[in-house]
Amino acid sequence: MTTHEGKLAIVLAHEQWELEQASYDIAAGRATAKGCAETAGVLERLARELRDYAATLSFGGGQPPTTVDPDDPDEPGGRGEPE
């Protein structure tokens, strides 16, 4: 079983790659409104995850929240597979 920290690290690394791709698309004029909105949603969820995780570290207790899978189409704002 992967730890919460491990899952969060994997999601962050994946999103780092996605952000790099988005930066190339924006610079090349290939960005779409949908792609930008989806990326913004992922960043907002990651920010919440990081704040929640930081709170568990700061206060030294409690269970960290479950990491959201940004590629799960059933998650709010999840991207799922490209169409």
Protein backbone atom coordinates (compact mmCIF):
# COMPACT_ATOMS: atom_id res chain seq x y z
CA MET A 1 0.00 0.00 0.00
CA THR A 2 1.32 3.42 -0.93
CA THR A 3 1.51 6.03 1.81
CA HIS A 4 -0.40 9.28 1.58
CA GLU A 5 2.91 11.07 1.17
CA GLY A 6 3.87 8.78 -1.69
CA LYS A 7 0.54 9.28 -3.45
CA LEU A 8 0.77 13.04 -3.05
CA ALA A 9 4.33 13.03 -4.40
CA ILE A 10 3.27 11.01 -7.44
CA VAL A 11 0.36 13.33 -8.19
CA LEU A 12 2.60 16.40 -7.82
CA ALA A 13 5.23 14.92 -10.16
CA HIS A 14 2.55 14.07 -12.73
CA GLU A 15 1.09 17.56 -12.56
CA GLN A 16 4.55 19.07 -12.93
CA TRP A 17 4.77 17.26 -16.26
CA GLU A 18 1.25 18.41 -17.22
CA LEU A 19 2.12 22.02 -16.38
CA GLU A 20 5.22 21.80 -18.53
CA GLN A 21 3.11 20.54 -21.42
CA ALA A 22 0.59 23.34 -20.85
CA SER A 23 3.38 25.92 -20.92
CA TYR A 24 4.52 24.61 -24.31
CA ASP A 25 0.96 24.62 -25.65
CA ILE A 26 0.38 28.18 -24.44
CA ALA A 27 3.67 29.42 -25.92
CA ALA A 28 2.91 27.73 -29.25
CA GLY A 29 -0.67 29.03 -29.40
CA ARG A 30 -2.14 25.51 -29.11
CA ALA A 31 -3.84 25.98 -25.72
CA THR A 32 -7.59 25.50 -25.56
CA ALA A 33 -10.08 27.03 -23.15
CA LYS A 34 -11.04 23.54 -21.96
CA GLY A 35 -7.42 22.54 -21.36
CA CYS A 36 -6.68 25.72 -19.44
CA ALA A 37 -9.81 25.34 -17.30
CA GLU A 38 -8.99 21.70 -16.53
CA THR A 39 -5.42 22.58 -15.57
CA ALA A 40 -6.68 25.37 -13.32
CA GLY A 41 -9.06 22.94 -11.60
CA VAL A 42 -6.25 20.47 -10.98
CA LEU A 43 -4.09 23.24 -9.51
CA GLU A 44 -6.90 24.34 -7.21
CA ARG A 45 -7.41 20.78 -5.94
CA LEU A 46 -3.67 20.29 -5.47
CA ALA A 47 -3.48 23.54 -3.51
CA ARG A 48 -6.24 22.28 -1.19
CA GLU A 49 -4.47 18.93 -0.79
CA LEU A 50 -1.19 20.64 0.08
CA ARG A 51 -2.87 22.96 2.58
CA ASP A 52 -4.66 20.04 4.22
CA TYR A 53 -1.46 18.01 4.34
CA ALA A 54 0.48 20.98 5.76
CA ALA A 55 -2.16 21.32 8.47
CA THR A 56 -1.64 17.71 9.54
CA LEU A 57 2.10 18.38 9.77
CA SER A 58 1.69 21.68 11.61
CA PHE A 59 -0.68 20.31 14.21
CA GLY A 60 1.05 16.94 14.48
CA GLY A 61 -1.96 14.73 14.32
CA GLY A 62 -4.93 13.43 12.46
CA GLN A 63 -5.18 11.48 9.29
CA PRO A 64 -4.05 13.19 6.11
CA PRO A 65 -6.82 13.53 3.52
CA THR A 66 -7.06 11.08 0.64
CA THR A 67 -5.24 12.30 -2.45
CA VAL A 68 -7.47 13.22 -5.36
CA ASP A 69 -6.65 11.48 -8.63
CA PRO A 70 -6.68 14.27 -11.22
CA ASP A 71 -7.06 11.73 -14.05
CA ASP A 72 -10.21 10.18 -12.58
CA PRO A 73 -13.15 11.46 -14.66
CA ASP A 74 -15.46 10.78 -11.69
CA GLU A 75 -13.58 13.27 -9.50
CA PRO A 76 -14.83 16.87 -9.64
CA GLY A 77 -12.73 18.48 -12.35
CA GLY A 78 -10.95 15.21 -13.16
CA ARG A 79 -9.58 15.09 -16.67
CA GLY A 80 -9.97 11.42 -17.44
CA GLU A 81 -8.61 10.22 -20.74
CA PRO A 82 -8.09 12.73 -23.55
CA GLU A 83 -10.92 12.80 -26.03
